C-alpha cells in the first residue's frame, strides 16, 4: 500500500500545480506540479502525481517507489520509469509500467511526456 502521508503531499502539490496551470494558461500536456526542487526524488514524485491524475481509480494506486524506479537527468529534464498497480474501470488490479519526462521549471515541474498507461 502507498504511504498515505506521501500521497497527501503529492495530492496537495498536484492541486497547486493545477491552479498554477490555470493562471499560466498551460494546456494539459504542459501542466505543472508545484514543489520542484531540482532533484531526482522531486522528479519521481512529480511523475507519480502525473500518473495518478490519469488513473481510473487513483485511490487504489500502489507505486513502485523511488528506490525501485529509474531516474535519468539530462540538463533540466528528468526521465523517470516505474510501475503502478491500480484498479482498472472493471475493478481488476493491473500493473502498468510508465515512463515520464518532466522539466524542472524552478518552482514547478512541467510534464513533457508520459507513456505506458492504457
C-alpha atoms as a PDB file:
ATOM      1  CA  UNK A   1       0.000   0.000   0.000  1.00  0.00           C
ATOM      2  CA  UNK A   2       1.242   3.503  -0.767  1.00  0.00           C
ATOM      3  CA  UNK A   3       2.286   5.734   2.099  1.00  0.00           C
ATOM      4  CA  UNK A   4      -0.744   7.947   2.744  1.00  0.00           C
ATOM      5  CA  UNK A   5       1.443  10.785   4.013  1.00  0.00           C
ATOM      6  CA  UNK A   6       3.323  10.956   0.712  1.00  0.00           C
ATOM      7  CA  UNK A   7       0.035  10.735  -1.182  1.00  0.00           C
ATOM      8  CA  UNK A   8      -1.296  13.712   0.763  1.00  0.00           C
ATOM      9  CA  UNK A   9       1.782  15.771  -0.023  1.00  0.00           C
ATOM     10  CA  UNK A  10       1.738  14.786  -3.698  1.00  0.00           C
ATOM     11  CA  UNK A  11      -2.018  15.419  -3.871  1.00  0.00           C
ATOM     12  CA  UNK A  12      -1.556  18.886  -2.380  1.00  0.00           C
ATOM     13  CA  UNK A  13       1.251  19.599  -4.803  1.00  0.00           C
ATOM     14  CA  UNK A  14      -0.939  18.497  -7.694  1.00  0.00           C
ATOM     15  CA  UNK A  15      -3.737  20.832  -6.649  1.00  0.00           C
ATOM     16  CA  UNK A  16      -1.272  23.718  -6.513  1.00  0.00           C
ATOM     17  CA  UNK A  17       0.089  22.667  -9.906  1.00  0.00           C
ATOM     18  CA  UNK A  18      -3.386  22.648 -11.463  1.00  0.00           C
ATOM     19  CA  UNK A  19      -4.147  26.095 -10.044  1.00  0.00           C
ATOM     20  CA  UNK A  20      -0.793  27.356 -11.328  1.00  0.00           C
ATOM     21  CA  UNK A  21      -1.531  25.887 -14.761  1.00  0.00           C
ATOM     22  CA  UNK A  22      -4.842  27.735 -14.944  1.00  0.00           C
ATOM     23  CA  UNK A  23      -3.187  31.050 -14.174  1.00  0.00           C
ATOM     24  CA  UNK A  24      -0.249  30.339 -16.501  1.00  0.00           C
ATOM     25  CA  UNK A  25      -2.532  29.277 -19.353  1.00  0.00           C
ATOM     26  CA  UNK A  26      -0.861  25.856 -19.736  1.00  0.00           C
ATOM     27  CA  UNK A  27      -2.627  23.081 -21.605  1.00  0.00           C
ATOM     28  CA  UNK A  28      -2.910  19.539 -20.213  1.00  0.00           C
ATOM     29  CA  UNK A  29       0.337  18.282 -21.784  1.00  0.00           C
ATOM     30  CA  UNK A  30       2.347  21.120 -20.229  1.00  0.00           C
ATOM     31  CA  UNK A  31       0.633  21.207 -16.828  1.00  0.00           C
ATOM     32  CA  UNK A  32       2.831  21.790 -13.822  1.00  0.00           C
ATOM     33  CA  UNK A  33       3.238  20.206 -10.447  1.00  0.00           C
ATOM     34  CA  UNK A  34       4.465  22.549  -7.734  1.00  0.00           C
ATOM     35  CA  UNK A  35       7.371  21.856  -5.482  1.00  0.00           C
ATOM     36  CA  UNK A  36      10.256  21.496  -7.928  1.00  0.00           C
ATOM     37  CA  UNK A  37      13.478  21.066  -6.003  1.00  0.00           C
ATOM     38  CA  UNK A  38      15.683  20.073  -8.935  1.00  0.00           C
ATOM     39  CA  UNK A  39      16.314  16.576  -7.604  1.00  0.00           C
ATOM     40  CA  UNK A  40      15.827  13.002  -8.791  1.00  0.00           C
ATOM     41  CA  UNK A  41      13.357  12.321  -5.993  1.00  0.00           C
ATOM     42  CA  UNK A  42      11.444  15.521  -6.762  1.00  0.00           C
ATOM     43  CA  UNK A  43      11.133  14.445 -10.403  1.00  0.00           C
ATOM     44  CA  UNK A  44       9.958  10.975  -9.310  1.00  0.00           C
ATOM     45  CA  UNK A  45       7.192  12.337  -7.083  1.00  0.00           C
ATOM     46  CA  UNK A  46       6.116  14.833  -9.754  1.00  0.00           C
ATOM     47  CA  UNK A  47       5.806  11.973 -12.251  1.00  0.00           C
ATOM     48  CA  UNK A  48       3.939   9.873  -9.709  1.00  0.00           C
ATOM     49  CA  UNK A  49       1.403  12.687  -9.444  1.00  0.00           C
ATOM     50  CA  UNK A  50       1.053  12.992 -13.234  1.00  0.00           C
ATOM     51  CA  UNK A  51       0.493   9.215 -13.466  1.00  0.00           C
ATOM     52  CA  UNK A  52      -2.056   9.279 -10.642  1.00  0.00           C
ATOM     53  CA  UNK A  53      -4.014  12.004 -12.480  1.00  0.00           C
ATOM     54  CA  UNK A  54      -4.586   9.590 -15.364  1.00  0.00           C
ATOM     55  CA  UNK A  55      -5.687   6.512 -13.399  1.00  0.00           C
ATOM     56  CA  UNK A  56      -9.301   5.302 -13.317  1.00  0.00           C
ATOM     57  CA  UNK A  57      -9.081   4.643  -9.551  1.00  0.00           C
ATOM     58  CA  UNK A  58      -6.209   6.754  -8.196  1.00  0.00           C
ATOM     59  CA  UNK A  59      -7.036   5.862  -4.585  1.00  0.00           C
ATOM     60  CA  UNK A  60      -6.154   2.219  -5.381  1.00  0.00           C
ATOM     61  CA  UNK A  61      -2.673   3.120  -6.691  1.00  0.00           C
ATOM     62  CA  UNK A  62       0.367   1.346  -5.285  1.00  0.00           C
ATOM     63  CA  UNK A  63       3.513   2.786  -6.906  1.00  0.00           C
ATOM     64  CA  UNK A  64       6.876   1.064  -7.306  1.00  0.00           C
ATOM     65  CA  UNK A  65       8.514   3.655  -5.072  1.00  0.00           C
ATOM     66  CA  UNK A  66      11.503   5.887  -5.643  1.00  0.00           C
ATOM     67  CA  UNK A  67      14.141   3.229  -4.894  1.00  0.00           C
ATOM     68  CA  UNK A  68      12.533   0.697  -7.284  1.00  0.00           C
ATOM     69  CA  UNK A  69      12.360   3.207 -10.153  1.00  0.00           C
ATOM     70  CA  UNK A  70      14.859   4.686 -12.572  1.00  0.00           C
ATOM     71  CA  UNK A  71      15.620   8.383 -12.909  1.00  0.00           C
ATOM     72  CA  UNK A  72      17.895   9.831 -15.591  1.00  0.00           C
ATOM     73  CA  UNK A  73      18.763  13.535 -15.640  1.00  0.00           C
ATOM     74  CA  UNK A  74      19.730  15.462 -18.755  1.00  0.00           C
ATOM     75  CA  UNK A  75      20.071  19.181 -18.094  1.00  0.00           C
ATOM     76  CA  UNK A  76      16.777  20.412 -16.631  1.00  0.00           C
ATOM     77  CA  UNK A  77      14.870  17.316 -17.835  1.00  0.00           C
ATOM     78  CA  UNK A  78      14.390  14.111 -15.884  1.00  0.00           C
ATOM     79  CA  UNK A  79      13.111  10.833 -17.330  1.00  0.00           C
ATOM     80  CA  UNK A  80      11.558   8.548 -14.744  1.00  0.00           C
ATOM     81  CA  UNK A  81      10.466   4.920 -15.227  1.00  0.00           C
ATOM     82  CA  UNK A  82       8.419   2.943 -12.747  1.00  0.00           C
ATOM     83  CA  UNK A  83       5.238   0.945 -12.349  1.00  0.00           C
ATOM     84  CA  UNK A  84       1.902   1.288 -10.639  1.00  0.00           C
ATOM     85  CA  UNK A  85      -0.592  -1.339  -9.519  1.00  0.00           C
ATOM     86  CA  UNK A  86      -4.086   0.126  -9.733  1.00  0.00           C
ATOM     87  CA  UNK A  87      -7.669  -0.851 -10.424  1.00  0.00           C
ATOM     88  CA  UNK A  88      -8.952  -0.508 -13.970  1.00  0.00           C
ATOM     89  CA  UNK A  89     -12.519   0.517 -14.854  1.00  0.00           C
ATOM     90  CA  UNK A  90     -13.714  -3.067 -14.122  1.00  0.00           C
ATOM     91  CA  UNK A  91     -12.151  -3.120 -10.645  1.00  0.00           C
ATOM     92  CA  UNK A  92      -9.334  -5.517 -11.545  1.00  0.00           C
ATOM     93  CA  UNK A  93      -5.854  -4.690 -10.223  1.00  0.00           C
ATOM     94  CA  UNK A  94      -3.406  -4.292 -13.091  1.00  0.00           C
ATOM     95  CA  UNK A  95       0.265  -3.375 -13.208  1.00  0.00           C
ATOM     96  CA  UNK A  96       1.225  -0.653 -15.678  1.00  0.00           C
ATOM     97  CA  UNK A  97       4.791   0.324 -16.415  1.00  0.00           C
ATOM     98  CA  UNK A  98       5.219   4.014 -17.193  1.00  0.00           C
ATOM     99  CA  UNK A  99       7.876   6.423 -18.378  1.00  0.00           C
ATOM    100  CA  UNK A 100       7.558  10.105 -17.643  1.00  0.00           C
ATOM    101  CA  UNK A 101       9.722  13.036 -18.676  1.00  0.00           C
ATOM    102  CA  UNK A 102       9.452  16.247 -16.670  1.00  0.00           C
ATOM    103  CA  UNK A 103      11.247  19.565 -16.939  1.00  0.00           C
ATOM    104  CA  UNK A 104      12.419  21.462 -13.882  1.00  0.00           C
ATOM    105  CA  UNK A 105      10.890  24.927 -14.135  1.00  0.00           C
ATOM    106  CA  UNK A 106      12.330  26.275 -10.889  1.00  0.00           C
ATOM    107  CA  UNK A 107       9.244  26.240  -8.658  1.00  0.00           C
ATOM    108  CA  UNK A 108       7.208  23.890 -10.878  1.00  0.00           C
ATOM    109  CA  UNK A 109       7.645  20.567 -12.657  1.00  0.00           C
ATOM    110  CA  UNK A 110       6.342  20.557 -16.228  1.00  0.00           C
ATOM    111  CA  UNK A 111       5.201  17.341 -17.897  1.00  0.00           C
ATOM    112  CA  UNK A 112       6.958  16.804 -21.229  1.00  0.00           C
ATOM    113  CA  UNK A 113       5.721  13.250 -21.935  1.00  0.00           C
ATOM    114  CA  UNK A 114       4.049  10.290 -20.253  1.00  0.00           C
ATOM    115  CA  UNK A 115       3.837   6.849 -21.836  1.00  0.00           C
ATOM    116  CA  UNK A 116       2.851   3.350 -20.806  1.00  0.00           C
ATOM    117  CA  UNK A 117      -0.606   3.913 -19.338  1.00  0.00           C
ATOM    118  CA  UNK A 118      -3.511   2.412 -21.284  1.00  0.00           C
END
